[in-house]
Amino acid sequence: MTSGGRLAQRVALVTGGGGEIGGAICRRFAAEGAEVAVADLDPAKSEAVARAIAGGGGALALEVDVADEAS
């Protein structure tokens, strides 16, 4: 993550963030300066993406099922 960037001081919540497309979106948002919440059904996948981002920026892995309101 850069110290500035178009998305500095913003937070991005990406559902499906553990997948290939979602992970790429998460990495791009982080590269643009956003803090990223990586939400996915599979916690191992969201953790992997968050770890990759955390090396250069802020990321949080979340286990989320968007079809379940309680989640």
PDB file of N, CA and C in Angstrom:
ATOM      1  N   MET A   1       0.835  -1.175   0.000  1.00  0.00           N
ATOM      2  CA  MET A   1       0.000   0.000   0.000  1.00  0.00           C
ATOM      3  C   MET A   1       0.877   1.235   0.000  1.00  0.00           C
ATOM      4  N   THR A   2       0.494   2.216  -0.743  1.00  0.00           N
ATOM      5  CA  THR A   2       1.215   3.473  -0.745  1.00  0.00           C
ATOM      6  C   THR A   2       0.687   4.344   0.376  1.00  0.00           C
ATOM      7  N   SER A   3       1.503   5.302   0.831  1.00  0.00           N
ATOM      8  CA  SER A   3       1.057   6.164   1.913  1.00  0.00           C
ATOM      9  C   SER A   3      -0.043   7.104   1.448  1.00  0.00           C
ATOM     10  N   GLY A   4      -0.072   7.419   0.174  1.00  0.00           N
ATOM     11  CA  GLY A   4      -1.127   8.260  -0.378  1.00  0.00           C
ATOM     12  C   GLY A   4      -2.078   7.411  -1.168  1.00  0.00           C
ATOM     13  N   GLY A   5      -2.346   7.823  -2.353  1.00  0.00           N
ATOM     14  CA  GLY A   5      -3.203   7.029  -3.226  1.00  0.00           C
ATOM     15  C   GLY A   5      -4.616   7.578  -3.260  1.00  0.00           C
ATOM     16  N   ARG A   6      -5.312   7.209  -4.300  1.00  0.00           N
ATOM     17  CA  ARG A   6      -6.680   7.699  -4.501  1.00  0.00           C
ATOM     18  C   ARG A   6      -7.627   7.268  -3.401  1.00  0.00           C
ATOM     19  N   LEU A   7      -7.345   6.138  -2.751  1.00  0.00           N
ATOM     20  CA  LEU A   7      -8.265   5.613  -1.739  1.00  0.00           C
ATOM     21  C   LEU A   7      -7.715   5.734  -0.318  1.00  0.00           C
ATOM     22  N   ALA A   8      -6.737   6.594  -0.114  1.00  0.00           N
ATOM     23  CA  ALA A   8      -6.178   6.809   1.218  1.00  0.00           C
ATOM     24  C   ALA A   8      -7.287   7.247   2.170  1.00  0.00           C
ATOM     25  N   GLN A   9      -7.234   6.760   3.375  1.00  0.00           N
ATOM     26  CA  GLN A   9      -8.201   7.057   4.424  1.00  0.00           C
ATOM     27  C   GLN A   9      -9.600   6.551   4.080  1.00  0.00           C
ATOM     28  N   ARG A  10      -9.668   5.509   3.261  1.00  0.00           N
ATOM     29  CA  ARG A  10     -10.936   4.863   2.906  1.00  0.00           C
ATOM     30  C   ARG A  10     -10.864   3.409   3.315  1.00  0.00           C
ATOM     31  N   VAL A  11     -12.029   2.797   3.502  1.00  0.00           N
ATOM     32  CA  VAL A  11     -12.113   1.379   3.816  1.00  0.00           C
ATOM     33  C   VAL A  11     -12.925   0.708   2.716  1.00  0.00           C
ATOM     34  N   ALA A  12     -12.423  -0.414   2.220  1.00  0.00           N
ATOM     35  CA  ALA A  12     -13.130  -1.181   1.196  1.00  0.00           C
ATOM     36  C   ALA A  12     -13.534  -2.527   1.787  1.00  0.00           C
ATOM     37  N   LEU A  13     -14.796  -2.897   1.645  1.00  0.00           N
ATOM     38  CA  LEU A  13     -15.288  -4.215   2.040  1.00  0.00           C
ATOM     39  C   LEU A  13     -15.544  -4.984   0.754  1.00  0.00           C
ATOM     40  N   VAL A  14     -14.800  -6.079   0.572  1.00  0.00           N
ATOM     41  CA  VAL A  14     -14.917  -6.861  -0.657  1.00  0.00           C
ATOM     42  C   VAL A  14     -15.465  -8.233  -0.312  1.00  0.00           C
ATOM     43  N   THR A  15     -16.708  -8.517  -0.741  1.00  0.00           N
ATOM     44  CA  THR A  15     -17.270  -9.846  -0.544  1.00  0.00           C
ATOM     45  C   THR A  15     -16.720 -10.750  -1.640  1.00  0.00           C
ATOM     46  N   GLY A  16     -16.470 -12.004  -1.293  1.00  0.00           N
ATOM     47  CA  GLY A  16     -15.823 -12.909  -2.239  1.00  0.00           C
ATOM     48  C   GLY A  16     -14.358 -12.569  -2.407  1.00  0.00           C
ATOM     49  N   GLY A  17     -13.800 -11.899  -1.401  1.00  0.00           N
ATOM     50  CA  GLY A  17     -12.418 -11.426  -1.464  1.00  0.00           C
ATOM     51  C   GLY A  17     -11.371 -12.522  -1.462  1.00  0.00           C
ATOM     52  N   GLY A  18     -11.754 -13.738  -1.123  1.00  0.00           N
ATOM     53  CA  GLY A  18     -10.796 -14.839  -1.121  1.00  0.00           C
ATOM     54  C   GLY A  18     -10.632 -15.502  -2.471  1.00  0.00           C
ATOM     55  N   GLY A  19     -11.514 -15.191  -3.405  1.00  0.00           N
ATOM     56  CA  GLY A  19     -11.440 -15.780  -4.741  1.00  0.00           C
ATOM     57  C   GLY A  19     -10.429 -15.055  -5.619  1.00  0.00           C
ATOM     58  N   GLU A  20     -10.288 -15.537  -6.838  1.00  0.00           N
ATOM     59  CA  GLU A  20      -9.302 -14.943  -7.749  1.00  0.00           C
ATOM     60  C   GLU A  20      -9.646 -13.502  -8.107  1.00  0.00           C
ATOM     61  N   ILE A  21     -10.865 -13.265  -8.531  1.00  0.00           N
ATOM     62  CA  ILE A  21     -11.251 -11.905  -8.916  1.00  0.00           C
ATOM     63  C   ILE A  21     -11.335 -11.010  -7.683  1.00  0.00           C
ATOM     64  N   GLY A  22     -12.000 -11.497  -6.633  1.00  0.00           N
ATOM     65  CA  GLY A  22     -12.120 -10.717  -5.403  1.00  0.00           C
ATOM     66  C   GLY A  22     -10.771 -10.408  -4.781  1.00  0.00           C
ATOM     67  N   GLY A  23      -9.864 -11.364  -4.810  1.00  0.00           N
ATOM     68  CA  GLY A  23      -8.518 -11.148  -4.273  1.00  0.00           C
ATOM     69  C   GLY A  23      -7.770 -10.088  -5.058  1.00  0.00           C
ATOM     70  N   ALA A  24      -7.933 -10.105  -6.373  1.00  0.00           N
ATOM     71  CA  ALA A  24      -7.289  -9.092  -7.211  1.00  0.00           C
ATOM     72  C   ALA A  24      -7.861  -7.708  -6.912  1.00  0.00           C
ATOM     73  N   ILE A  25      -9.161  -7.642  -6.687  1.00  0.00           N
ATOM     74  CA  ILE A  25      -9.791  -6.368  -6.332  1.00  0.00           C
ATOM     75  C   ILE A  25      -9.255  -5.878  -4.989  1.00  0.00           C
ATOM     76  N   CYS A  26      -9.150  -6.784  -4.016  1.00  0.00           N
ATOM     77  CA  CYS A  26      -8.605  -6.419  -2.700  1.00  0.00           C
ATOM     78  C   CYS A  26      -7.188  -5.868  -2.826  1.00  0.00           C
ATOM     79  N   ARG A  27      -6.348  -6.559  -3.579  1.00  0.00           N
ATOM     80  CA  ARG A  27      -4.964  -6.108  -3.742  1.00  0.00           C
ATOM     81  C   ARG A  27      -4.891  -4.749  -4.436  1.00  0.00           C
ATOM     82  N   ARG A  28      -5.765  -4.530  -5.409  1.00  0.00           N
ATOM     83  CA  ARG A  28      -5.768  -3.248  -6.119  1.00  0.00           C
ATOM     84  C   ARG A  28      -6.213  -2.117  -5.195  1.00  0.00           C
ATOM     85  N   PHE A  29      -7.282  -2.347  -4.432  1.00  0.00           N
ATOM     86  CA  PHE A  29      -7.738  -1.327  -3.489  1.00  0.00           C
ATOM     87  C   PHE A  29      -6.641  -0.990  -2.485  1.00  0.00           C
ATOM     88  N   ALA A  30      -5.948  -2.009  -1.985  1.00  0.00           N
ATOM     89  CA  ALA A  30      -4.851  -1.775  -1.041  1.00  0.00           C
ATOM     90  C   ALA A  30      -3.725  -0.984  -1.705  1.00  0.00           C
ATOM     91  N   ALA A  31      -3.418  -1.311  -2.947  1.00  0.00           N
ATOM     92  CA  ALA A  31      -2.373  -0.601  -3.674  1.00  0.00           C
ATOM     93  C   ALA A  31      -2.738   0.876  -3.882  1.00  0.00           C
ATOM     94  N   GLU A  32      -4.037   1.162  -3.928  1.00  0.00           N
ATOM     95  CA  GLU A  32      -4.515   2.536  -4.086  1.00  0.00           C
ATOM     96  C   GLU A  32      -4.645   3.254  -2.748  1.00  0.00           C
ATOM     97  N   GLY A  33      -4.292   2.570  -1.644  1.00  0.00           N
ATOM     98  CA  GLY A  33      -4.259   3.225  -0.341  1.00  0.00           C
ATOM     99  C   GLY A  33      -5.357   2.863   0.629  1.00  0.00           C
ATOM    100  N   ALA A  34      -6.324   2.036   0.237  1.00  0.00           N
ATOM    101  CA  ALA A  34      -7.441   1.693   1.118  1.00  0.00           C
ATOM    102  C   ALA A  34      -7.041   0.643   2.154  1.00  0.00           C
ATOM    103  N   GLU A  35      -7.708   0.689   3.289  1.00  0.00           N
ATOM    104  CA  GLU A  35      -7.692  -0.414   4.239  1.00  0.00           C
ATOM    105  C   GLU A  35      -8.750  -1.378   3.709  1.00  0.00           C
ATOM    106  N   VAL A  36      -8.469  -2.686   3.705  1.00  0.00           N
ATOM    107  CA  VAL A  36      -9.357  -3.628   3.036  1.00  0.00           C
ATOM    108  C   VAL A  36      -9.875  -4.685   4.002  1.00  0.00           C
ATOM    109  N   ALA A  37     -11.199  -4.882   4.000  1.00  0.00           N
ATOM    110  CA  ALA A  37     -11.831  -5.982   4.714  1.00  0.00           C
ATOM    111  C   ALA A  37     -12.104  -7.064   3.675  1.00  0.00           C
ATOM    112  N   VAL A  38     -11.420  -8.199   3.820  1.00  0.00           N
ATOM    113  CA  VAL A  38     -11.523  -9.309   2.871  1.00  0.00           C
ATOM    114  C   VAL A  38     -12.551 -10.292   3.409  1.00  0.00           C
ATOM    115  N   ALA A  39     -13.750 -10.298   2.843  1.00  0.00           N
ATOM    116  CA  ALA A  39     -14.838 -11.152   3.310  1.00  0.00           C
ATOM    117  C   ALA A  39     -15.022 -12.332   2.362  1.00  0.00           C
ATOM    118  N   ASP A  40     -15.121 -13.539   2.947  1.00  0.00           N
ATOM    119  CA  ASP A  40     -15.312 -14.738   2.130  1.00  0.00           C
ATOM    120  C   ASP A  40     -15.945 -15.829   2.979  1.00  0.00           C
ATOM    121  N   LEU A  41     -16.609 -16.765   2.332  1.00  0.00           N
ATOM    122  CA  LEU A  41     -17.158 -17.936   3.022  1.00  0.00           C
ATOM    123  C   LEU A  41     -16.050 -18.798   3.623  1.00  0.00           C
ATOM    124  N   ASP A  42     -14.931 -18.877   2.930  1.00  0.00           N
ATOM    125  CA  ASP A  42     -13.803 -19.717   3.344  1.00  0.00           C
ATOM    126  C   ASP A  42     -12.783 -18.856   4.090  1.00  0.00           C
ATOM    127  N   PRO A  43     -12.697 -19.037   5.420  1.00  0.00           N
ATOM    128  CA  PRO A  43     -11.782 -18.191   6.195  1.00  0.00           C
ATOM    129  C   PRO A  43     -10.314 -18.367   5.810  1.00  0.00           C
ATOM    130  N   ALA A  44      -9.932 -19.541   5.352  1.00  0.00           N
ATOM    131  CA  ALA A  44      -8.535 -19.752   4.947  1.00  0.00           C
ATOM    132  C   ALA A  44      -8.196 -18.893   3.729  1.00  0.00           C
ATOM    133  N   LYS A  45      -9.143 -18.768   2.807  1.00  0.00           N
ATOM    134  CA  LYS A  45      -8.908 -17.956   1.610  1.00  0.00           C
ATOM    135  C   LYS A  45      -8.845 -16.473   1.951  1.00  0.00           C
ATOM    136  N   SER A  46      -9.750 -16.004   2.804  1.00  0.00           N
ATOM    137  CA  SER A  46      -9.720 -14.585   3.166  1.00  0.00           C
ATOM    138  C   SER A  46      -8.461 -14.255   3.959  1.00  0.00           C
ATOM    139  N   GLU A  47      -8.013 -15.183   4.817  1.00  0.00           N
ATOM    140  CA  GLU A  47      -6.772 -14.985   5.577  1.00  0.00           C
ATOM    141  C   GLU A  47      -5.570 -14.891   4.640  1.00  0.00           C
ATOM    142  N   ALA A  48      -5.529 -15.743   3.631  1.00  0.00           N
ATOM    143  CA  ALA A  48      -4.395 -15.741   2.696  1.00  0.00           C
ATOM    144  C   ALA A  48      -4.300 -14.411   1.956  1.00  0.00           C
ATOM    145  N   VAL A  49      -5.429 -13.898   1.504  1.00  0.00           N
ATOM    146  CA  VAL A  49      -5.423 -12.620   0.793  1.00  0.00           C
ATOM    147  C   VAL A  49      -5.035 -11.495   1.756  1.00  0.00           C
ATOM    148  N   ALA A  50      -5.601 -11.502   2.955  1.00  0.00           N
ATOM    149  CA  ALA A  50      -5.284 -10.461   3.940  1.00  0.00           C
ATOM    150  C   ALA A  50      -3.806 -10.475   4.315  1.00  0.00           C
ATOM    151  N   ARG A  51      -3.226 -11.670   4.463  1.00  0.00           N
ATOM    152  CA  ARG A  51      -1.788 -11.771   4.776  1.00  0.00           C
ATOM    153  C   ARG A  51      -0.956 -11.186   3.646  1.00  0.00           C
ATOM    154  N   ALA A  52      -1.338 -11.473   2.418  1.00  0.00           N
ATOM    155  CA  ALA A  52      -0.595 -10.956   1.265  1.00  0.00           C
ATOM    156  C   ALA A  52      -0.664  -9.430   1.221  1.00  0.00           C
ATOM    157  N   ILE A  53      -1.811  -8.882   1.555  1.00  0.00           N
ATOM    158  CA  ILE A  53      -1.976  -7.431   1.560  1.00  0.00           C
ATOM    159  C   ILE A  53      -1.261  -6.812   2.746  1.00  0.00           C
ATOM    160  N   ALA A  54      -1.338  -7.442   3.895  1.00  0.00           N
ATOM    161  CA  ALA A  54      -0.793  -6.872   5.128  1.00  0.00           C
ATOM    162  C   ALA A  54       0.703  -6.613   5.027  1.00  0.00           C
ATOM    163  N   GLY A  55       1.388  -7.307   4.124  1.00  0.00           N
ATOM    164  CA  GLY A  55       2.802  -7.043   3.932  1.00  0.00           C
ATOM    165  C   GLY A  55       3.059  -5.634   3.420  1.00  0.00           C
ATOM    166  N   GLY A  56       2.076  -5.054   2.744  1.00  0.00           N
ATOM    167  CA  GLY A  56       2.264  -3.712   2.205  1.00  0.00           C
ATOM    168  C   GLY A  56       1.142  -2.757   2.561  1.00  0.00           C
ATOM    169  N   GLY A  57       0.214  -3.192   3.408  1.00  0.00           N
ATOM    170  CA  GLY A  57      -0.897  -2.319   3.766  1.00  0.00           C
ATOM    171  C   GLY A  57      -1.782  -2.958   4.796  1.00  0.00           C
ATOM    172  N   GLY A  58      -2.943  -2.379   5.024  1.00  0.00           N
ATOM    173  CA  GLY A  58      -3.848  -2.861   6.049  1.00  0.00           C
ATOM    174  C   GLY A  58      -4.942  -3.729   5.479  1.00  0.00           C
ATOM    175  N   ALA A  59      -5.156  -4.880   6.113  1.00  0.00           N
ATOM    176  CA  ALA A  59      -6.210  -5.776   5.670  1.00  0.00           C
ATOM    177  C   ALA A  59      -6.742  -6.572   6.855  1.00  0.00           C
ATOM    178  N   LEU A  60      -8.017  -6.900   6.793  1.00  0.00           N
ATOM    179  CA  LEU A  60      -8.689  -7.692   7.814  1.00  0.00           C
ATOM    180  C   LEU A  60      -9.442  -8.806   7.124  1.00  0.00           C
ATOM    181  N   ALA A  61      -9.230 -10.044   7.567  1.00  0.00           N
ATOM    182  CA  ALA A  61      -9.938 -11.192   7.001  1.00  0.00           C
ATOM    183  C   ALA A  61     -11.217 -11.434   7.788  1.00  0.00           C
ATOM    184  N   LEU A  62     -12.313 -11.671   7.075  1.00  0.00           N
ATOM    185  CA  LEU A  62     -13.602 -11.932   7.700  1.00  0.00           C
ATOM    186  C   LEU A  62     -14.247 -13.160   7.077  1.00  0.00           C
ATOM    187  N   GLU A  63     -14.830 -14.020   7.921  1.00  0.00           N
ATOM    188  CA  GLU A  63     -15.628 -15.140   7.424  1.00  0.00           C
ATOM    189  C   GLU A  63     -17.071 -14.655   7.369  1.00  0.00           C
ATOM    190  N   VAL A  64     -17.603 -14.511   6.152  1.00  0.00           N
ATOM    191  CA  VAL A  64     -18.923 -13.923   5.967  1.00  0.00           C
ATOM    192  C   VAL A  64     -19.707 -14.713   4.924  1.00  0.00           C
ATOM    193  N   ASP A  65     -20.976 -14.950   5.227  1.00  0.00           N
ATOM    194  CA  ASP A  65     -21.908 -15.521   4.261  1.00  0.00           C
ATOM    195  C   ASP A  65     -22.957 -14.445   3.985  1.00  0.00           C
ATOM    196  N   VAL A  66     -22.877 -13.797   2.841  1.00  0.00           N
ATOM    197  CA  VAL A  66     -23.791 -12.686   2.550  1.00  0.00           C
ATOM    198  C   VAL A  66     -25.240 -13.153   2.395  1.00  0.00           C
ATOM    199  N   ALA A  67     -25.472 -14.461   2.223  1.00  0.00           N
ATOM    200  CA  ALA A  67     -26.835 -14.984   2.129  1.00  0.00           C
ATOM    201  C   ALA A  67     -27.443 -15.189   3.516  1.00  0.00           C
ATOM    202  N   ASP A  68     -26.635 -15.075   4.579  1.00  0.00           N
ATOM    203  CA  ASP A  68     -27.102 -15.270   5.945  1.00  0.00           C
ATOM    204  C   ASP A  68     -27.066 -13.924   6.683  1.00  0.00           C
ATOM    205  N   GLU A  69     -28.246 -13.374   6.964  1.00  0.00           N
ATOM    206  CA  GLU A  69     -28.344 -12.055   7.577  1.00  0.00           C
ATOM    207  C   GLU A  69     -27.577 -11.977   8.904  1.00  0.00           C
ATOM    208  N   ALA A  70     -27.563 -13.055   9.671  1.00  0.00           N
ATOM    209  CA  ALA A  70     -26.856 -13.060  10.969  1.00  0.00           C
ATOM    210  C   ALA A  70     -25.347 -13.004  10.783  1.00  0.00           C
ATOM    211  N   SER A  71     -24.862 -13.445   9.655  1.00  0.00           N
ATOM    212  CA  SER A  71     -23.431 -13.443   9.403  1.00  0.00           C
ATOM    213  C   SER A  71     -22.942 -12.035   9.194  1.00  0.00           C
TER     214      SER A  71
END
